[in-house]
N, C-alpha and C. Protein backbone atom coordinates (compact mmCIF):
# COMPACT_ATOMS: atom_id res chain seq x y z
N UNK A 1 0.97 -0.92 0.05
CA UNK A 1 0.05 -0.02 0.00
C UNK A 1 0.91 1.21 -0.13
N UNK A 2 0.83 2.13 -1.30
CA UNK A 2 1.63 3.50 -1.26
C UNK A 2 0.86 4.64 -0.39
N UNK A 3 -0.35 4.71 -0.79
CA UNK A 3 -1.34 5.82 -0.30
C UNK A 3 -2.17 5.54 0.71
N UNK A 4 -2.27 6.59 1.60
CA UNK A 4 -3.29 6.49 2.66
C UNK A 4 -3.97 7.93 2.70
N UNK A 5 -5.13 7.94 2.84
CA UNK A 5 -5.96 9.25 3.03
C UNK A 5 -5.94 9.76 4.43
N UNK A 6 -5.77 10.81 4.17
CA UNK A 6 -5.64 11.81 5.64
C UNK A 6 -6.52 12.99 5.53
N UNK A 7 -7.18 13.39 5.93
CA UNK A 7 -7.96 14.67 6.38
C UNK A 7 -7.18 15.68 7.01
N UNK A 8 -6.86 16.96 6.32
CA UNK A 8 -6.03 17.94 7.03
C UNK A 8 -7.23 19.28 6.97
N UNK A 9 -6.53 19.71 8.08
CA UNK A 9 -7.52 21.07 8.40
C UNK A 9 -7.55 22.09 6.95
N UNK A 10 -8.61 22.47 6.88
CA UNK A 10 -8.58 23.77 5.83
C UNK A 10 -7.42 24.71 6.00
N UNK A 11 -6.68 24.97 4.75
CA UNK A 11 -5.69 25.63 4.51
C UNK A 11 -5.73 26.52 3.37
N UNK A 12 -4.93 27.86 3.74
CA UNK A 12 -5.23 28.86 2.70
C UNK A 12 -4.18 27.84 1.45
N UNK A 13 -4.50 28.46 0.40
CA UNK A 13 -3.69 28.06 -1.00
C UNK A 13 -2.43 28.21 -0.73
N UNK A 14 -1.45 27.42 -1.69
CA UNK A 14 -0.13 27.89 -1.97
C UNK A 14 0.77 27.47 -0.48
N UNK A 15 0.32 27.23 0.58
CA UNK A 15 0.89 26.79 1.75
C UNK A 15 1.30 25.26 1.49
N UNK A 16 2.65 24.85 2.26
CA UNK A 16 2.81 23.62 2.49
C UNK A 16 2.48 22.86 3.65
N UNK A 17 2.07 21.54 3.21
CA UNK A 17 1.36 20.96 4.69
C UNK A 17 2.63 19.94 4.89
N UNK A 18 3.00 19.67 5.92
CA UNK A 18 3.91 18.51 6.23
C UNK A 18 3.53 17.52 6.97
N UNK A 19 3.38 16.31 6.63
CA UNK A 19 2.82 15.08 7.40
C UNK A 19 4.30 14.17 7.82
N UNK A 20 4.52 13.61 8.86
CA UNK A 20 5.34 12.88 9.31
C UNK A 20 4.89 11.77 9.46
N UNK A 21 5.52 10.59 8.69
CA UNK A 21 5.18 9.16 8.30
C UNK A 21 6.02 8.38 9.42
N UNK A 22 5.63 7.61 9.95
CA UNK A 22 6.68 6.52 10.61
C UNK A 22 6.35 5.19 10.17
N UNK A 23 7.53 4.38 9.41
CA UNK A 23 7.54 3.21 8.76
C UNK A 23 8.44 2.46 9.36
N UNK A 24 8.01 1.49 10.26
CA UNK A 24 9.04 0.63 10.88
C UNK A 24 9.85 1.36 11.91
N UNK A 25 9.88 2.48 12.25
CA UNK A 25 10.56 3.23 13.53
C UNK A 25 11.02 4.24 12.52
N UNK A 26 11.09 4.06 11.02
CA UNK A 26 11.81 5.32 10.56
C UNK A 26 10.84 6.52 10.11
N UNK A 27 11.20 7.67 10.23
CA UNK A 27 10.38 8.92 9.79
C UNK A 27 10.65 9.35 8.60
N UNK A 28 9.50 9.60 7.92
CA UNK A 28 9.56 10.08 6.88
C UNK A 28 8.54 11.47 6.63
N UNK A 29 9.21 12.59 6.22
CA UNK A 29 8.35 13.86 6.16
C UNK A 29 7.83 13.98 4.65
N UNK A 30 7.04 14.24 4.48
CA UNK A 30 5.93 14.09 3.20
C UNK A 30 5.45 15.91 3.04
N UNK A 31 5.56 16.33 2.01
CA UNK A 31 4.96 17.72 1.95
C UNK A 31 4.21 17.67 0.73
N UNK A 32 3.03 18.53 1.04
CA UNK A 32 1.81 18.79 -0.09
C UNK A 32 1.77 19.93 -0.18
N UNK A 33 1.05 20.43 -1.01
CA UNK A 33 0.62 21.68 -1.31
C UNK A 33 -0.57 21.94 -2.33
N UNK A 34 -1.33 22.82 -2.10
CA UNK A 34 -2.71 23.15 -2.30
C UNK A 34 -2.66 24.17 -3.52
N UNK A 35 -3.02 24.01 -4.90
CA UNK A 35 -2.76 25.33 -5.34
C UNK A 35 -4.28 25.58 -6.37
N UNK A 36 -4.34 26.94 -6.15
CA UNK A 36 -5.87 26.78 -6.74
C UNK A 36 -5.88 27.66 -8.32
N UNK A 37 -6.31 26.89 -9.37
CA UNK A 37 -6.66 27.71 -10.64
C UNK A 37 -7.47 28.12 -10.72
N UNK A 38 -7.76 29.76 -11.14
CA UNK A 38 -9.32 30.39 -11.16
C UNK A 38 -9.24 30.80 -12.48
N UNK A 39 -10.44 30.62 -12.69
CA UNK A 39 -10.69 31.10 -14.15
C UNK A 39 -11.08 32.69 -14.17
N UNK A 40 -10.39 33.18 -15.39
CA UNK A 40 -10.49 34.98 -14.98
C UNK A 40 -11.69 35.37 -16.58
N UNK A 41 -11.81 36.27 -15.99
CA UNK A 41 -12.72 36.73 -17.39
C UNK A 41 -14.01 36.01 -17.41
N UNK A 42 -14.79 36.02 -18.35
CA UNK A 42 -15.94 35.55 -18.82
C UNK A 42 -16.01 34.04 -18.66
N UNK A 43 -17.11 33.47 -18.59
CA UNK A 43 -17.19 31.73 -18.15
C UNK A 43 -16.50 31.08 -19.68
N UNK A 44 -15.30 30.43 -19.07
CA UNK A 44 -14.57 29.64 -20.18
C UNK A 44 -15.24 28.35 -20.79
N UNK A 45 -14.92 28.06 -21.97
CA UNK A 45 -15.45 26.72 -22.52
C UNK A 45 -14.40 25.59 -21.70
N UNK A 46 -14.94 24.40 -22.02
CA UNK A 46 -14.35 23.24 -21.06
C UNK A 46 -12.76 23.41 -22.03
N UNK A 47 -12.77 23.78 -23.15
CA UNK A 47 -11.51 23.58 -23.50
C UNK A 47 -10.72 24.14 -23.14
N UNK A 48 -10.62 25.67 -23.09
CA UNK A 48 -10.07 26.85 -22.48
C UNK A 48 -9.72 26.51 -20.90
N UNK A 49 -10.54 25.75 -20.06
CA UNK A 49 -10.23 25.19 -18.64
C UNK A 49 -9.30 24.17 -18.86
N UNK A 50 -9.19 23.30 -19.89
CA UNK A 50 -8.19 22.01 -19.98
C UNK A 50 -6.88 23.01 -20.58
N UNK A 51 -6.75 23.85 -21.28
CA UNK A 51 -5.80 24.28 -21.53
C UNK A 51 -4.78 25.10 -20.55
N UNK A 52 -5.90 26.08 -19.78
CA UNK A 52 -5.05 26.47 -18.31
C UNK A 52 -4.66 25.28 -17.47
N UNK A 53 -5.49 24.62 -17.33
CA UNK A 53 -4.89 23.20 -16.27
C UNK A 53 -3.94 22.58 -16.80
N UNK A 54 -3.47 22.34 -17.96
CA UNK A 54 -2.34 21.83 -18.55
C UNK A 54 -1.16 22.69 -18.37
N UNK A 55 -1.35 23.93 -18.85
CA UNK A 55 -0.30 24.72 -18.47
C UNK A 55 0.28 24.86 -17.20
N UNK A 56 -0.56 25.09 -16.31
CA UNK A 56 -0.23 25.08 -14.99
C UNK A 56 0.46 23.92 -14.55
N UNK A 57 -0.01 22.47 -14.69
CA UNK A 57 0.62 21.67 -14.24
C UNK A 57 2.00 21.01 -15.28
N UNK A 58 2.15 21.42 -16.50
CA UNK A 58 3.12 21.54 -17.11
C UNK A 58 4.18 22.32 -16.49
N UNK A 59 3.96 23.66 -16.06
CA UNK A 59 5.00 24.66 -15.84
C UNK A 59 5.47 24.64 -14.25
N UNK A 60 4.66 23.78 -13.97
CA UNK A 60 5.23 23.53 -12.36
C UNK A 60 6.41 23.16 -12.05
N UNK A 61 6.85 23.49 -11.04
CA UNK A 61 8.33 23.14 -10.20
C UNK A 61 8.51 21.47 -10.51
N UNK A 62 9.47 21.35 -11.00
CA UNK A 62 9.41 19.61 -11.51
C UNK A 62 10.04 19.02 -9.83
N UNK A 63 10.19 19.51 -8.96
CA UNK A 63 10.23 18.99 -7.64
C UNK A 63 9.19 18.35 -6.78
N UNK A 64 7.92 18.77 -7.62
CA UNK A 64 6.82 18.57 -7.09
C UNK A 64 6.18 17.48 -8.21
N UNK A 65 5.13 16.55 -7.57
CA UNK A 65 4.37 15.96 -8.49
C UNK A 65 2.80 15.95 -8.38
N UNK A 66 2.23 15.93 -9.51
CA UNK A 66 0.75 16.01 -9.17
C UNK A 66 -0.02 14.64 -8.57
N UNK A 67 -0.72 14.79 -7.48
CA UNK A 67 -1.27 13.90 -6.96
C UNK A 67 -2.86 13.87 -7.02
N UNK A 68 -3.44 14.70 -6.98
CA UNK A 68 -4.57 14.89 -7.12
C UNK A 68 -5.25 16.36 -7.88
N UNK A 69 -6.61 16.07 -8.60
CA UNK A 69 -7.04 17.13 -9.37
C UNK A 69 -8.18 17.22 -8.57
N UNK A 70 -8.36 18.45 -7.81
CA UNK A 70 -10.11 18.46 -6.82
C UNK A 70 -11.06 18.83 -7.61
N UNK A 71 -11.84 18.73 -7.08
CA UNK A 71 -13.41 18.92 -7.38
C UNK A 71 -13.48 20.22 -8.02
N UNK A 72 -14.23 20.44 -8.97
CA UNK A 72 -14.13 21.68 -9.97
C UNK A 72 -15.25 22.54 -9.00
N UNK A 73 -14.73 23.92 -9.08
CA UNK A 73 -16.02 24.87 -8.76
C UNK A 73 -16.16 25.90 -9.95
N UNK A 74 -17.44 26.84 -9.68
CA UNK A 74 -17.51 27.47 -10.90
C UNK A 74 -16.95 28.52 -11.24
N UNK A 75 -15.69 28.88 -10.25
CA UNK A 75 -14.55 29.57 -10.35
C UNK A 75 -13.67 29.14 -10.17
N UNK A 76 -13.24 28.14 -9.90
CA UNK A 76 -11.60 27.40 -9.90
C UNK A 76 -11.55 25.97 -9.37
N UNK A 77 -10.65 25.56 -9.51
CA UNK A 77 -10.33 23.92 -9.00
C UNK A 77 -9.22 23.66 -8.42
N UNK A 78 -8.84 23.02 -7.55
CA UNK A 78 -7.85 22.82 -6.58
C UNK A 78 -6.78 21.76 -7.26
N UNK A 79 -5.78 21.96 -7.06
CA UNK A 79 -4.49 20.77 -7.37
C UNK A 79 -4.06 20.67 -6.25
N UNK A 80 -3.73 19.32 -6.00
CA UNK A 80 -2.39 19.02 -4.76
C UNK A 80 -1.62 18.60 -5.41
N UNK A 81 -0.47 18.86 -5.01
CA UNK A 81 0.85 18.32 -5.23
C UNK A 81 1.78 17.91 -4.00
N UNK A 82 2.43 16.95 -4.60
CA UNK A 82 3.66 16.18 -3.26
C UNK A 82 5.02 16.59 -3.85
N UNK A 83 5.49 17.03 -2.71
CA UNK A 83 7.07 17.10 -3.36
C UNK A 83 7.78 15.89 -3.15
N UNK A 84 8.81 15.70 -4.36
CA UNK A 84 9.17 14.58 -4.55
C UNK A 84 10.19 14.01 -3.54
N UNK A 85 10.21 12.69 -3.19
CA UNK A 85 11.22 12.43 -2.09
C UNK A 85 12.50 11.90 -3.18
N UNK A 86 13.73 12.56 -2.61
CA UNK A 86 14.97 12.53 -3.44
C UNK A 86 15.53 11.52 -2.47
């Protein structure tokens, strides 16, 4: 099992969340970040939203990996990134 779902308190966008995990006595610190992608201007088409999301994901810091695309809201969509473990 590689993934465990943990509910965390509501955080402001673009803040890091650090979670310490203990596996067989060894501690690992996992870092997560929530980014909100907002739609600017008039109501964009589905294709426009896709293009904006793709650009945001492709241009994101390569030290972070996308782990979840959240539930879309009318004006925005949350993306959850996890810092890669080196």
